[in-house]
Amino acid sequence: MAKENQGSIATRGEQLLEDQIDLSREAELEASIQRLEELNSALKSLLRHRDQDRRDVEERFLSNVKELVLPYIQKLKETELVGMQATYVEIAESNLNDIMSPFLQKITSRYRNFTPKEIQVASLIKEGRRTKEIAQILGISKSAIDLHRNSIRNKLGLINKKTNLRSYLMSLF
């Protein structure tokens, strides 16, 4: 019987030790859960602040362009510009307006596989420029513009479709 008592005491001791270990693990898990919840809350707060900071930067950028750049573009347009100067000023103004509009932001984010030249060509097409004008403005051949137009149509999924590229670009955004 003494052996049974010793075995029973040992079993109870082991059980108490296991219970104590389980309680210790539960306490550690609860502490970990608490830390994770606090970290999650802090991350959510940081994301909200980041989004607000991004909006603030965008607003300041738009305001600065409207107040500091566009007035000078307008003054340039009112002067007598020679040859291609008027065209370049119009393009600069249009590009600034595109930068401030969702078009350029969306086309670069939605269609990341567009090359910078394709973005320029798409922007000029959206403005209503013809191939010959675009070639002259960008200083490349008409056939190069045709290649860019075809590449843009391909990337937009317009191959073998009778969709006007300018209309499609305008409808995107």
Foldseek 3Di string as FASTA:
>chain_A
DVVVVVVVVVVVVVVVVVVVVVVVVVVVVVVVVVVVVVVVVVVVVVVVVVVVVVVVVLVVVVVCCVVPPVVVLVVQCVDDDDDCPNVVSVLVVLVVVCVNDCLLVCCCVVQVVQDPVLSSLLSVVLVVDDLVVSCVVVVHDSVVSVVSVVVVCVSVVNPPHPDDSNVVSVVVD
